[in-house]
Amino acid sequence: SFYIYKKLAEKELQFSTIARGVSIGDELQYADEVTLGRSISNRIPLRY
């Protein structure tokens, strides 16, 4: 992810991680609507 972040950061894009509620490796299609909504609205800016 760091390599991709560095390559795309040159394009002045903003990156964020999904907040609480969705575990790493989980399929987003199985997350319920409320959990997914909260995770997206509370996402955290990604900084290396």
Protein backbone atom coordinates (compact mmCIF):
# COMPACT_ATOMS: atom_id res chain seq x y z
CA SER A 1 0.00 0.00 0.00
CA PHE A 2 2.92 2.37 0.67
CA TYR A 3 4.19 2.05 -2.92
CA ILE A 4 0.76 2.81 -4.36
CA TYR A 5 0.29 5.68 -1.90
CA LYS A 6 3.60 7.27 -2.92
CA LYS A 7 2.90 6.90 -6.64
CA LEU A 8 -0.59 8.36 -6.43
CA ALA A 9 0.29 11.06 -3.89
CA GLU A 10 2.13 12.87 -6.69
CA LYS A 11 -1.29 13.42 -8.28
CA GLU A 12 -2.54 15.38 -5.23
CA LEU A 13 -5.19 12.81 -4.31
CA GLN A 14 -6.49 12.37 -0.78
CA PHE A 15 -6.31 8.93 0.82
CA SER A 16 -8.18 7.61 3.82
CA THR A 17 -8.69 4.36 5.65
CA ILE A 18 -12.06 2.95 6.62
CA ALA A 19 -12.71 3.60 10.29
CA ARG A 20 -13.98 1.14 12.90
CA GLY A 21 -16.47 -1.57 12.17
CA VAL A 22 -14.98 -3.25 9.12
CA SER A 23 -12.12 -5.65 9.77
CA ILE A 24 -9.13 -5.87 7.48
CA GLY A 25 -9.78 -8.58 4.92
CA ASP A 26 -13.56 -8.55 5.36
CA GLU A 27 -15.75 -8.49 2.28
CA LEU A 28 -17.57 -5.15 2.09
CA GLN A 29 -20.55 -6.82 0.46
CA TYR A 30 -21.27 -8.59 3.77
CA ALA A 31 -21.08 -5.46 5.96
CA ASP A 32 -24.46 -4.13 7.07
CA GLU A 33 -25.58 -0.70 5.92
CA VAL A 34 -25.20 1.07 9.28
CA THR A 35 -21.70 -0.28 9.98
CA LEU A 36 -20.49 0.55 6.50
CA GLY A 37 -22.01 4.05 6.64
CA ARG A 38 -20.35 4.82 9.97
CA SER A 39 -17.02 3.45 8.76
CA ILE A 40 -17.06 5.67 5.70
CA SER A 41 -18.23 8.83 7.48
CA ASN A 42 -15.58 8.41 10.20
CA ARG A 43 -12.69 7.48 7.91
CA ILE A 44 -9.19 8.56 8.85
CA PRO A 45 -6.73 10.42 6.57
CA LEU A 46 -3.89 8.11 5.52
CA ARG A 47 -0.41 9.46 6.20
CA TYR A 48 2.93 7.73 5.91
